[in-house]
């Protein structure tokens, strides 16, 4: 299977040269021949703490003798535990089948993990990942020199910051991870969601400026301005459907996104010093891909860090699905291929083989 990919091919004088090229999906035998019914790996329940929050997860281990390289998997946004577990639980046993250990854990305040999701912030999630990494690095069956982080969507935003703040991290991969501010990402996703719902341009012209004000005030933690906006929203609710309007000041969502609205981690990216893969779908309606890429290249240039790779798959969504045909691209092949190469470069042996 071949695709036309926009792929970062080379670096010249600390500047990325982006070209369009036809590239065959990488062959990853250990992944392609994975059979859930016949797969063999060990799964261990894991408990650790981050601050005062007791967190719970599962460690997937290869059946071979360790110590093993480890991948820590960070989920997307929200607190729907079944949805959050879906992608990490797809990746983890496949990593174990490919001779890497993999850790999944429930986000604080969800599933088996304690803590309060309603008051959590992205900084909390970053700290939680750091605590997980320290816990794993102390295990004799884990190679503490080969611990990586892979994040999906919201986790993709946080993964490189985890790598900046946690010295044990040796490599990082982000899948559909926004690099724009939390506020700008939210605005972008909302506008696209309204357009997909066929909200007219005339209605958007009324509601989107109100959303911008609302998000600005939330980011600034400006309750007085939010309360003043309530009257405007009440009046506008007689002209457009209330579901299109921001919430009133006394009904703000209690989510990690809202609690983190004022955060912008992009400046920290300049301190990244480990290999980094960023993977995007060109037609992503949740993440501002081009703006994220602009930030990525700028921050890597600022930090004089050239060991990073970018792949943009054209014509596919946030989840790497073609909107019209609903055909999905097996994006996991890019992630596995890149990570196995990082591990093999350090470990000196091929893991990408038939099991």
Protein backbone atom coordinates (compact mmCIF):
# COMPACT_ATOMS: atom_id res chain seq x y z
CA UNK A 1 0.00 0.00 0.00
CA UNK A 2 1.41 3.37 -0.96
CA UNK A 3 0.42 6.87 0.05
CA UNK A 4 1.43 10.36 -0.91
CA UNK A 5 2.92 11.70 2.28
CA UNK A 6 4.23 15.09 3.21
CA UNK A 7 7.23 13.85 5.10
CA UNK A 8 10.15 15.65 6.64
CA UNK A 9 13.05 14.27 4.66
CA UNK A 10 16.13 16.20 5.66
CA UNK A 11 17.55 19.11 7.58
CA UNK A 12 19.80 21.73 6.09
CA UNK A 13 21.40 24.42 8.25
CA UNK A 14 18.90 23.69 11.03
CA UNK A 15 16.00 24.27 8.60
CA UNK A 16 13.61 21.51 7.64
CA UNK A 17 13.23 20.76 3.96
CA UNK A 18 9.67 19.53 3.47
CA UNK A 19 8.98 17.66 0.25
CA UNK A 20 6.07 15.76 -1.20
CA UNK A 21 7.04 12.20 -1.97
CA UNK A 22 5.45 8.86 -2.63
CA UNK A 23 6.34 6.60 0.25
CA UNK A 24 5.31 3.03 0.91
CA UNK A 25 3.88 2.40 4.35
CA UNK A 26 6.77 1.02 6.40
CA UNK A 27 6.87 -2.71 6.83
CA UNK A 28 6.72 -3.74 10.48
CA UNK A 29 6.61 -7.56 10.51
CA UNK A 30 6.11 -7.94 14.25
CA UNK A 31 3.11 -5.59 14.04
CA UNK A 32 1.61 -6.87 10.81
CA UNK A 33 1.70 -10.49 11.98
CA UNK A 34 0.22 -9.74 15.39
CA UNK A 35 -2.67 -12.09 16.12
CA UNK A 36 -4.67 -11.22 19.23
CA UNK A 37 -5.79 -14.82 19.68
CA UNK A 38 -2.23 -16.13 19.64
CA UNK A 39 -0.30 -13.19 21.07
CA UNK A 40 1.76 -13.96 24.14
CA UNK A 41 2.72 -11.33 26.68
CA UNK A 42 2.49 -10.72 30.39
CA UNK A 43 0.13 -8.12 31.82
CA UNK A 44 0.73 -6.79 35.33
CA UNK A 45 -1.45 -4.46 37.39
CA UNK A 46 0.50 -1.35 38.38
CA UNK A 47 -0.17 1.14 41.20
CA UNK A 48 1.72 4.37 41.85
CA UNK A 49 1.10 7.84 43.21
CA UNK A 50 1.45 11.30 41.74
CA UNK A 51 1.29 13.92 44.44
CA UNK A 52 -1.66 12.74 46.51
CA UNK A 53 -3.42 10.98 43.63
CA UNK A 54 -3.27 7.16 43.58
CA UNK A 55 -3.03 6.05 39.95
CA UNK A 56 -3.61 2.63 38.42
CA UNK A 57 -2.43 1.08 35.20
CA UNK A 58 -1.30 -2.03 33.40
CA UNK A 59 2.20 -2.99 32.33
CA UNK A 60 2.46 -5.17 29.23
CA UNK A 61 5.71 -7.16 29.17
CA UNK A 62 7.23 -9.33 26.43
CA UNK A 63 7.62 -12.99 27.30
CA UNK A 64 11.36 -12.77 26.64
CA UNK A 65 13.84 -11.97 29.38
CA UNK A 66 14.36 -8.31 30.24
CA UNK A 67 15.27 -5.66 30.86
CA UNK A 68 12.96 -4.29 28.16
CA UNK A 69 12.64 -0.90 26.50
CA UNK A 70 9.41 0.78 27.62
CA UNK A 71 6.79 2.93 25.96
CA UNK A 72 4.46 4.97 28.21
CA UNK A 73 1.15 5.65 26.45
CA UNK A 74 -0.79 8.87 27.06
CA UNK A 75 -4.47 9.00 26.03
CA UNK A 76 -6.54 11.80 24.52
CA UNK A 77 -8.88 14.28 26.15
CA UNK A 78 -11.99 13.89 28.27
CA UNK A 79 -12.89 11.52 31.07
CA UNK A 80 -14.77 8.76 29.25
CA UNK A 81 -12.61 5.92 30.49
CA UNK A 82 -13.62 3.41 27.82
CA UNK A 83 -12.79 5.89 25.07
CA UNK A 84 -9.55 6.90 26.78
CA UNK A 85 -8.38 3.30 27.07
CA UNK A 86 -9.19 2.38 23.48
CA UNK A 87 -6.06 3.56 21.65
CA UNK A 88 -3.51 2.75 24.39
CA UNK A 89 -5.03 -0.72 24.76
CA UNK A 90 -4.66 -1.25 21.02
CA UNK A 91 -1.00 -0.24 21.02
CA UNK A 92 0.20 -1.84 24.28
CA UNK A 93 -0.09 -5.58 23.47
CA UNK A 94 1.35 -4.95 20.02
CA UNK A 95 4.36 -3.22 21.53
CA UNK A 96 4.83 -6.21 23.85
CA UNK A 97 4.61 -8.52 20.85
CA UNK A 98 7.37 -6.42 19.25
CA UNK A 99 9.62 -6.93 22.32
CA UNK A 100 8.91 -3.59 24.01
CA UNK A 101 7.18 -3.17 27.35
CA UNK A 102 4.23 -0.77 27.36
CA UNK A 103 2.48 1.03 30.21
CA UNK A 104 -1.09 2.27 30.09
CA UNK A 105 -2.74 4.00 33.04
CA UNK A 106 -6.08 5.62 33.75
CA UNK A 107 -6.06 9.40 33.76
CA UNK A 108 -6.49 10.83 37.26
CA UNK A 109 -10.10 10.83 38.37
CA UNK A 110 -11.10 8.21 35.78
CA UNK A 111 -11.38 4.43 35.81
CA UNK A 112 -9.30 2.84 38.55
CA UNK A 113 -7.24 5.96 39.25
CA UNK A 114 -7.95 8.30 42.13
CA UNK A 115 -7.70 12.05 42.19
CA UNK A 116 -10.22 14.63 41.03
CA UNK A 117 -10.64 14.99 37.29
CA UNK A 118 -12.90 18.03 37.72
CA UNK A 119 -10.06 20.10 39.18
CA UNK A 120 -7.19 18.61 37.17
CA UNK A 121 -5.01 20.53 34.73
CA UNK A 122 -2.64 19.55 31.95
CA UNK A 123 0.22 20.17 34.37
CA UNK A 124 -1.29 17.47 36.60
CA UNK A 125 -1.39 15.04 33.66
CA UNK A 126 2.25 15.83 32.83
CA UNK A 127 3.25 15.24 36.46
CA UNK A 128 1.30 11.97 36.46
CA UNK A 129 3.22 10.76 33.41
CA UNK A 130 6.48 11.73 35.10
CA UNK A 131 5.52 9.72 38.17
CA UNK A 132 4.73 6.72 35.98
CA UNK A 133 8.12 6.99 34.27
CA UNK A 134 9.99 7.15 37.59
CA UNK A 135 8.05 4.13 38.85
CA UNK A 136 8.92 2.13 35.74
CA UNK A 137 12.58 3.22 35.65
CA UNK A 138 13.08 1.61 39.06
CA UNK A 139 11.92 -1.82 37.88
CA UNK A 140 14.65 -4.39 37.10
CA UNK A 141 12.69 -5.69 34.10
CA UNK A 142 12.70 -2.24 32.44
CA UNK A 143 15.68 -0.73 30.64
CA UNK A 144 15.80 2.71 32.25
CA UNK A 145 17.91 4.05 29.37
CA UNK A 146 15.24 3.25 26.79
CA UNK A 147 12.00 4.74 28.06
CA UNK A 148 9.84 6.60 25.57
CA UNK A 149 6.50 8.41 25.61
CA UNK A 150 3.77 8.20 22.98
CA UNK A 151 0.77 10.52 23.21
CA UNK A 152 -2.46 10.68 21.24
CA UNK A 153 -4.39 13.93 20.64
CA UNK A 154 -4.32 15.69 24.03
CA UNK A 155 -1.65 13.18 25.06
CA UNK A 156 0.24 14.17 21.92
CA UNK A 157 0.32 17.76 23.15
CA UNK A 158 1.65 16.69 26.54
CA UNK A 159 4.13 13.99 25.47
CA UNK A 160 6.99 16.28 24.37
CA UNK A 161 6.57 18.37 27.52
CA UNK A 162 6.80 15.19 29.58
CA UNK A 163 10.05 14.50 27.71
CA UNK A 164 11.34 17.99 28.52
CA UNK A 165 10.52 17.69 32.22
CA UNK A 166 11.48 14.02 32.74
CA UNK A 167 15.18 13.32 32.19
CA UNK A 168 14.54 9.56 31.97
CA UNK A 169 12.72 9.94 28.62
CA UNK A 170 14.86 8.82 25.66
CA UNK A 171 12.41 9.42 22.79
CA UNK A 172 8.92 10.80 22.22
CA UNK A 173 6.17 10.45 19.61
CA UNK A 174 3.09 12.65 19.22
CA UNK A 175 0.05 11.58 17.23
CA UNK A 176 -2.38 14.38 16.30
CA UNK A 177 -0.97 16.52 19.10
CA UNK A 178 -1.76 20.25 18.95
CA UNK A 179 1.04 22.71 19.66
CA UNK A 180 -1.09 25.85 19.52
CA UNK A 181 -2.32 27.28 22.82
CA UNK A 182 -5.17 25.45 24.54
CA UNK A 183 -7.44 28.42 23.84
CA UNK A 184 -6.63 28.63 20.13
CA UNK A 185 -6.98 24.88 19.69
CA UNK A 186 -10.40 24.92 21.33
CA UNK A 187 -11.59 27.80 19.14
CA UNK A 188 -10.39 26.02 15.99
CA UNK A 189 -12.15 22.78 16.93
CA UNK A 190 -15.40 24.54 17.84
CA UNK A 191 -15.61 26.46 14.58
CA UNK A 192 -14.99 23.32 12.55
CA UNK A 193 -17.56 21.38 14.57
CA UNK A 194 -20.17 24.05 13.87
CA UNK A 195 -19.33 24.02 10.16
CA UNK A 196 -19.65 20.23 10.03
CA UNK A 197 -23.09 20.68 11.59
CA UNK A 198 -23.93 23.06 8.72
CA UNK A 199 -24.27 26.15 10.88
CA UNK A 200 -24.61 29.09 8.49
CA UNK A 201 -21.93 31.72 8.01
CA UNK A 202 -24.31 34.40 9.27
CA UNK A 203 -24.85 32.53 12.54
CA UNK A 204 -21.14 31.82 12.89
CA UNK A 205 -20.47 35.53 12.48
CA UNK A 206 -22.61 36.08 15.58
CA UNK A 207 -21.49 33.25 17.83
CA UNK A 208 -17.76 32.85 17.14
CA UNK A 209 -16.78 36.33 18.45
CA UNK A 210 -18.66 35.46 21.64
CA UNK A 211 -16.72 32.21 21.88
CA UNK A 212 -13.46 34.11 21.42
CA UNK A 213 -14.35 36.50 24.25
CA UNK A 214 -15.46 33.61 26.43
CA UNK A 215 -12.26 31.64 25.88
CA UNK A 216 -10.13 34.76 26.39
CA UNK A 217 -11.82 35.40 29.74
CA UNK A 218 -11.50 31.77 30.83
CA UNK A 219 -7.82 31.76 29.88
CA UNK A 220 -7.28 34.95 31.89
CA UNK A 221 -9.33 33.57 34.81
CA UNK A 222 -11.40 36.77 34.52
CA UNK A 223 -14.64 35.92 36.30
CA UNK A 224 -15.87 39.53 36.28
CA UNK A 225 -15.73 39.72 32.49
CA UNK A 226 -17.34 36.30 32.20
CA UNK A 227 -20.23 37.49 34.35
CA UNK A 228 -20.63 40.60 32.20
CA UNK A 229 -20.74 38.38 29.13
CA UNK A 230 -23.64 36.42 30.66
CA UNK A 231 -26.13 39.17 29.79
CA UNK A 232 -24.96 39.28 26.17
CA UNK A 233 -25.31 35.51 25.95
CA UNK A 234 -28.80 35.64 27.45
CA UNK A 235 -29.90 38.17 24.83
CA UNK A 236 -28.26 36.25 21.98
CA UNK A 237 -30.03 33.03 23.04
CA UNK A 238 -33.23 34.57 21.68
CA UNK A 239 -31.62 34.95 18.24
CA UNK A 240 -29.62 31.74 17.80
CA UNK A 241 -29.90 28.26 19.24
CA UNK A 242 -28.53 28.33 22.82
CA UNK A 243 -26.49 25.17 22.14
CA UNK A 244 -24.27 27.24 19.83
CA UNK A 245 -23.35 29.69 22.58
CA UNK A 246 -20.68 29.53 25.29
CA UNK A 247 -21.83 28.44 28.76
CA UNK A 248 -22.81 30.96 31.40
CA UNK A 249 -20.16 31.82 33.99
CA UNK A 250 -21.79 29.62 36.64
CA UNK A 251 -21.88 26.60 34.30
CA UNK A 252 -18.31 26.33 33.12
CA UNK A 253 -17.28 22.76 32.27
CA UNK A 254 -15.13 21.07 34.88
CA UNK A 255 -12.57 19.52 32.56
CA UNK A 256 -8.83 19.43 32.08
CA UNK A 257 -9.22 21.59 28.97
CA UNK A 258 -11.14 24.36 30.74
CA UNK A 259 -8.86 24.21 33.77
CA UNK A 260 -5.86 24.56 31.43
CA UNK A 261 -7.24 27.22 29.07
CA UNK A 262 -4.53 29.73 29.95
CA UNK A 263 -1.66 27.31 29.35
CA UNK A 264 0.69 27.44 26.38
CA UNK A 265 3.53 24.91 26.48
CA UNK A 266 5.05 25.86 23.14
CA UNK A 267 8.00 27.78 24.60
CA UNK A 268 9.08 24.68 26.53
CA UNK A 269 9.48 22.77 23.27
CA UNK A 270 12.72 24.64 22.61
CA UNK A 271 14.25 22.67 25.51
CA UNK A 272 13.54 19.26 23.96
CA UNK A 273 16.72 17.21 23.54
CA UNK A 274 15.53 13.73 22.54
CA UNK A 275 14.32 12.30 19.20
CA UNK A 276 10.74 13.35 18.42
CA UNK A 277 8.20 12.06 15.89
CA UNK A 278 5.13 14.19 15.12
CA UNK A 279 2.38 12.58 13.06
CA UNK A 280 -0.67 14.44 11.72
CA UNK A 281 -3.62 14.02 9.40
CA UNK A 282 -3.80 16.87 6.89
CA UNK A 283 -7.59 17.29 7.21
CA UNK A 284 -7.59 17.35 11.03
CA UNK A 285 -10.55 19.47 12.13
CA UNK A 286 -9.59 19.33 15.82
CA UNK A 287 -5.94 20.38 15.65
CA UNK A 288 -4.61 23.37 13.65
CA UNK A 289 -2.00 21.32 11.81
CA UNK A 290 -0.21 24.03 9.84
CA UNK A 291 0.01 26.38 12.82
CA UNK A 292 1.27 23.50 14.96
CA UNK A 293 3.94 22.71 12.37
CA UNK A 294 5.00 26.35 12.24
CA UNK A 295 5.43 26.34 16.02
CA UNK A 296 7.27 23.02 15.93
CA UNK A 297 9.83 24.14 13.35
CA UNK A 298 10.31 27.50 15.06
CA UNK A 299 10.88 25.98 18.50
CA UNK A 300 13.23 23.31 17.19
CA UNK A 301 15.25 26.00 15.40
CA UNK A 302 15.33 28.09 18.58
CA UNK A 303 16.62 25.12 20.56
CA UNK A 304 18.97 24.06 17.74
CA UNK A 305 17.46 20.58 17.90
CA UNK A 306 17.45 18.72 14.59
CA UNK A 307 16.61 15.21 15.72
CA UNK A 308 12.92 15.31 14.93
CA UNK A 309 10.68 13.92 12.19
CA UNK A 310 7.31 15.05 10.89
CA UNK A 311 4.81 13.09 8.83
CA UNK A 312 1.59 14.65 7.54
CA UNK A 313 -0.78 12.18 5.89
CA UNK A 314 -2.88 14.03 3.29
CA UNK A 315 -6.63 13.72 3.02
CA UNK A 316 -7.25 12.17 6.44
CA UNK A 317 -8.80 13.37 9.67
CA UNK A 318 -7.72 13.65 13.30
CA UNK A 319 -8.14 9.86 13.53
CA UNK A 320 -6.44 9.20 10.16
CA UNK A 321 -9.69 8.37 8.40
CA UNK A 322 -10.63 9.60 4.91
CA UNK A 323 -13.79 11.70 5.50
CA UNK A 324 -15.47 10.64 2.26
CA UNK A 325 -14.52 6.97 1.93
CA UNK A 326 -14.20 6.30 5.68
CA UNK A 327 -11.08 4.30 4.87
CA UNK A 328 -8.57 4.41 7.69
CA UNK A 329 -4.81 4.67 7.31
CA UNK A 330 -2.85 2.29 9.58
CA UNK A 331 -0.92 5.15 11.16
CA UNK A 332 0.40 2.83 13.85
CA UNK A 333 2.91 1.53 11.32
CA UNK A 334 4.68 4.89 11.24
CA UNK A 335 4.79 5.01 15.03
CA UNK A 336 6.08 1.45 15.45
CA UNK A 337 8.62 1.77 12.64
CA UNK A 338 10.07 4.97 14.09
CA UNK A 339 10.14 3.77 17.71
CA UNK A 340 11.70 0.41 16.86
CA UNK A 341 14.46 2.25 15.01
CA UNK A 342 15.11 4.49 18.02
CA UNK A 343 15.35 1.49 20.32
CA UNK A 344 17.45 -0.57 17.93
CA UNK A 345 19.89 2.31 17.46
CA UNK A 346 20.61 2.28 21.19
CA UNK A 347 20.23 -1.44 21.86
CA UNK A 348 22.09 -2.63 18.79
CA UNK A 349 19.70 -5.45 17.85
CA UNK A 350 16.73 -5.74 15.54
CA UNK A 351 13.33 -5.93 17.21
CA UNK A 352 11.31 -5.47 14.00
CA UNK A 353 11.12 -9.12 13.07
CA UNK A 354 8.66 -11.94 12.76
CA UNK A 355 7.73 -13.49 16.09
